[in-house]
Amino acid sequence: MAAARNLRTALIFGGFISMVGAAFYPIYFRPLLRLEEYRE
């Protein structure tokens, strides 16, 4: 039973990290892309 509990916890934790990553990805990378455009 412990293994199943740990697996479920890992899936929930992974999903949470995925949502946070998806939320912050544009915030971090759009300014970098715009800096590249401003340099030209």
PDB file of N, CA and C in Angstrom:
ATOM      1  N   MET A   1       0.839  -1.212   0.000  1.00  0.00           N
ATOM      2  CA  MET A   1       0.000   0.000   0.000  1.00  0.00           C
ATOM      3  C   MET A   1       0.874   1.262   0.000  1.00  0.00           C
ATOM      4  N   ALA A   2       1.999   1.180   0.693  1.00  0.00           N
ATOM      5  CA  ALA A   2       2.854   2.366   0.785  1.00  0.00           C
ATOM      6  C   ALA A   2       3.346   2.789  -0.599  1.00  0.00           C
ATOM      7  N   ALA A   3       3.668   1.796  -1.433  1.00  0.00           N
ATOM      8  CA  ALA A   3       4.174   2.122  -2.771  1.00  0.00           C
ATOM      9  C   ALA A   3       3.105   2.861  -3.579  1.00  0.00           C
ATOM     10  N   ALA A   4       1.860   2.420  -3.495  1.00  0.00           N
ATOM     11  CA  ALA A   4       0.779   3.074  -4.233  1.00  0.00           C
ATOM     12  C   ALA A   4       0.583   4.499  -3.721  1.00  0.00           C
ATOM     13  N   ARG A   5       0.675   4.674  -2.410  1.00  0.00           N
ATOM     14  CA  ARG A   5       0.531   6.023  -1.846  1.00  0.00           C
ATOM     15  C   ARG A   5       1.644   6.926  -2.356  1.00  0.00           C
ATOM     16  N   ASN A   6       2.859   6.413  -2.357  1.00  0.00           N
ATOM     17  CA  ASN A   6       3.989   7.227  -2.812  1.00  0.00           C
ATOM     18  C   ASN A   6       3.852   7.563  -4.286  1.00  0.00           C
ATOM     19  N   LEU A   7       3.353   6.622  -5.076  1.00  0.00           N
ATOM     20  CA  LEU A   7       3.179   6.872  -6.505  1.00  0.00           C
ATOM     21  C   LEU A   7       2.148   7.971  -6.724  1.00  0.00           C
ATOM     22  N   ARG A   8       1.032   7.895  -5.996  1.00  0.00           N
ATOM     23  CA  ARG A   8      -0.004   8.927  -6.144  1.00  0.00           C
ATOM     24  C   ARG A   8       0.546  10.282  -5.717  1.00  0.00           C
ATOM     25  N   THR A   9       1.287  10.316  -4.615  1.00  0.00           N
ATOM     26  CA  THR A   9       1.870  11.570  -4.150  1.00  0.00           C
ATOM     27  C   THR A   9       2.842  12.123  -5.189  1.00  0.00           C
ATOM     28  N   ALA A  10       3.625  11.245  -5.803  1.00  0.00           N
ATOM     29  CA  ALA A  10       4.589  11.689  -6.814  1.00  0.00           C
ATOM     30  C   ALA A  10       3.865  12.269  -8.025  1.00  0.00           C
ATOM     31  N   LEU A  11       2.757  11.653  -8.427  1.00  0.00           N
ATOM     32  CA  LEU A  11       2.002  12.157  -9.577  1.00  0.00           C
ATOM     33  C   LEU A  11       1.413  13.526  -9.276  1.00  0.00           C
ATOM     34  N   ILE A  12       0.854  13.696  -8.079  1.00  0.00           N
ATOM     35  CA  ILE A  12       0.278  14.992  -7.702  1.00  0.00           C
ATOM     36  C   ILE A  12       1.381  16.050  -7.653  1.00  0.00           C
ATOM     37  N   PHE A  13       2.523  15.688  -7.053  1.00  0.00           N
ATOM     38  CA  PHE A  13       3.639  16.623  -6.936  1.00  0.00           C
ATOM     39  C   PHE A  13       4.157  17.001  -8.320  1.00  0.00           C
ATOM     40  N   GLY A  14       4.275  16.004  -9.207  1.00  0.00           N
ATOM     41  CA  GLY A  14       4.742  16.261 -10.562  1.00  0.00           C
ATOM     42  C   GLY A  14       3.775  17.158 -11.325  1.00  0.00           C
ATOM     43  N   GLY A  15       2.480  16.929 -11.141  1.00  0.00           N
ATOM     44  CA  GLY A  15       1.483  17.760 -11.806  1.00  0.00           C
ATOM     45  C   GLY A  15       1.547  19.202 -11.324  1.00  0.00           C
ATOM     46  N   PHE A  16       1.770  19.363 -10.019  1.00  0.00           N
ATOM     47  CA  PHE A  16       1.872  20.710  -9.457  1.00  0.00           C
ATOM     48  C   PHE A  16       3.085  21.436 -10.029  1.00  0.00           C
ATOM     49  N   ILE A  17       4.217  20.730 -10.098  1.00  0.00           N
ATOM     50  CA  ILE A  17       5.428  21.329 -10.657  1.00  0.00           C
ATOM     51  C   ILE A  17       5.213  21.687 -12.126  1.00  0.00           C
ATOM     52  N   SER A  18       4.478  20.831 -12.846  1.00  0.00           N
ATOM     53  CA  SER A  18       4.210  21.099 -14.262  1.00  0.00           C
ATOM     54  C   SER A  18       3.385  22.376 -14.431  1.00  0.00           C
ATOM     55  N   MET A  19       2.374  22.549 -13.575  1.00  0.00           N
ATOM     56  CA  MET A  19       1.536  23.751 -13.681  1.00  0.00           C
ATOM     57  C   MET A  19       2.343  24.994 -13.341  1.00  0.00           C
ATOM     58  N   VAL A  20       3.175  24.906 -12.296  1.00  0.00           N
ATOM     59  CA  VAL A  20       4.003  26.056 -11.925  1.00  0.00           C
ATOM     60  C   VAL A  20       4.984  26.383 -13.048  1.00  0.00           C
ATOM     61  N   GLY A  21       5.586  25.348 -13.628  1.00  0.00           N
ATOM     62  CA  GLY A  21       6.521  25.554 -14.729  1.00  0.00           C
ATOM     63  C   GLY A  21       5.839  26.187 -15.930  1.00  0.00           C
ATOM     64  N   ALA A  22       4.634  25.719 -16.246  1.00  0.00           N
ATOM     65  CA  ALA A  22       3.892  26.266 -17.385  1.00  0.00           C
ATOM     66  C   ALA A  22       3.517  27.723 -17.129  1.00  0.00           C
ATOM     67  N   ALA A  23       3.267  28.071 -15.857  1.00  0.00           N
ATOM     68  CA  ALA A  23       2.881  29.438 -15.519  1.00  0.00           C
ATOM     69  C   ALA A  23       4.081  30.382 -15.617  1.00  0.00           C
ATOM     70  N   PHE A  24       5.261  29.920 -15.185  1.00  0.00           N
ATOM     71  CA  PHE A  24       6.426  30.800 -15.135  1.00  0.00           C
ATOM     72  C   PHE A  24       7.248  30.783 -16.415  1.00  0.00           C
ATOM     73  N   TYR A  25       7.047  29.768 -17.276  1.00  0.00           N
ATOM     74  CA  TYR A  25       7.835  29.663 -18.513  1.00  0.00           C
ATOM     75  C   TYR A  25       7.749  30.927 -19.364  1.00  0.00           C
ATOM     76  N   PRO A  26       6.543  31.448 -19.662  1.00  0.00           N
ATOM     77  CA  PRO A  26       6.467  32.671 -20.478  1.00  0.00           C
ATOM     78  C   PRO A  26       7.049  33.887 -19.767  1.00  0.00           C
ATOM     79  N   ILE A  27       6.893  33.953 -18.451  1.00  0.00           N
ATOM     80  CA  ILE A  27       7.381  35.112 -17.702  1.00  0.00           C
ATOM     81  C   ILE A  27       8.904  35.193 -17.806  1.00  0.00           C
ATOM     82  N   TYR A  28       9.568  34.030 -17.771  1.00  0.00           N
ATOM     83  CA  TYR A  28      11.027  34.039 -17.823  1.00  0.00           C
ATOM     84  C   TYR A  28      11.559  34.169 -19.245  1.00  0.00           C
ATOM     85  N   PHE A  29      10.883  33.548 -20.229  1.00  0.00           N
ATOM     86  CA  PHE A  29      11.488  33.445 -21.555  1.00  0.00           C
ATOM     87  C   PHE A  29      11.056  34.551 -22.503  1.00  0.00           C
ATOM     88  N   ARG A  30       9.891  35.156 -22.314  1.00  0.00           N
ATOM     89  CA  ARG A  30       9.492  36.235 -23.220  1.00  0.00           C
ATOM     90  C   ARG A  30      10.424  37.438 -23.135  1.00  0.00           C
ATOM     91  N   PRO A  31      10.827  37.887 -21.939  1.00  0.00           N
ATOM     92  CA  PRO A  31      11.796  38.999 -21.879  1.00  0.00           C
ATOM     93  C   PRO A  31      13.110  38.647 -22.572  1.00  0.00           C
ATOM     94  N   LEU A  32      13.564  37.393 -22.458  1.00  0.00           N
ATOM     95  CA  LEU A  32      14.807  36.998 -23.125  1.00  0.00           C
ATOM     96  C   LEU A  32      14.653  37.098 -24.634  1.00  0.00           C
ATOM     97  N   LEU A  33      13.520  36.648 -25.158  1.00  0.00           N
ATOM     98  CA  LEU A  33      13.295  36.725 -26.602  1.00  0.00           C
ATOM     99  C   LEU A  33      13.205  38.182 -27.044  1.00  0.00           C
ATOM    100  N   ARG A  34      12.581  39.017 -26.238  1.00  0.00           N
ATOM    101  CA  ARG A  34      12.456  40.431 -26.604  1.00  0.00           C
ATOM    102  C   ARG A  34      13.816  41.126 -26.563  1.00  0.00           C
ATOM    103  N   LEU A  35      14.684  40.729 -25.613  1.00  0.00           N
ATOM    104  CA  LEU A  35      16.024  41.302 -25.583  1.00  0.00           C
ATOM    105  C   LEU A  35      16.765  40.972 -26.870  1.00  0.00           C
ATOM    106  N   GLU A  36      16.598  39.743 -27.362  1.00  0.00           N
ATOM    107  CA  GLU A  36      17.227  39.373 -28.638  1.00  0.00           C
ATOM    108  C   GLU A  36      16.719  40.272 -29.762  1.00  0.00           C
ATOM    109  N   GLU A  37      15.422  40.587 -29.754  1.00  0.00           N
ATOM    110  CA  GLU A  37      14.856  41.441 -30.797  1.00  0.00           C
ATOM    111  C   GLU A  37      15.372  42.871 -30.675  1.00  0.00           C
ATOM    112  N   TYR A  38      15.522  43.357 -29.434  1.00  0.00           N
ATOM    113  CA  TYR A  38      15.987  44.724 -29.251  1.00  0.00           C
ATOM    114  C   TYR A  38      17.440  44.884 -29.693  1.00  0.00           C
ATOM    115  N   ARG A  39      18.239  43.840 -29.595  1.00  0.00           N
ATOM    116  CA  ARG A  39      19.652  43.940 -29.969  1.00  0.00           C
ATOM    117  C   ARG A  39      19.816  44.191 -31.462  1.00  0.00           C
ATOM    118  N   GLU A  40      18.894  43.691 -32.259  1.00  0.00           N
ATOM    119  CA  GLU A  40      19.046  43.838 -33.710  1.00  0.00           C
ATOM    120  C   GLU A  40      18.724  45.258 -34.173  1.00  0.00           C
TER     121      GLU A  40
END
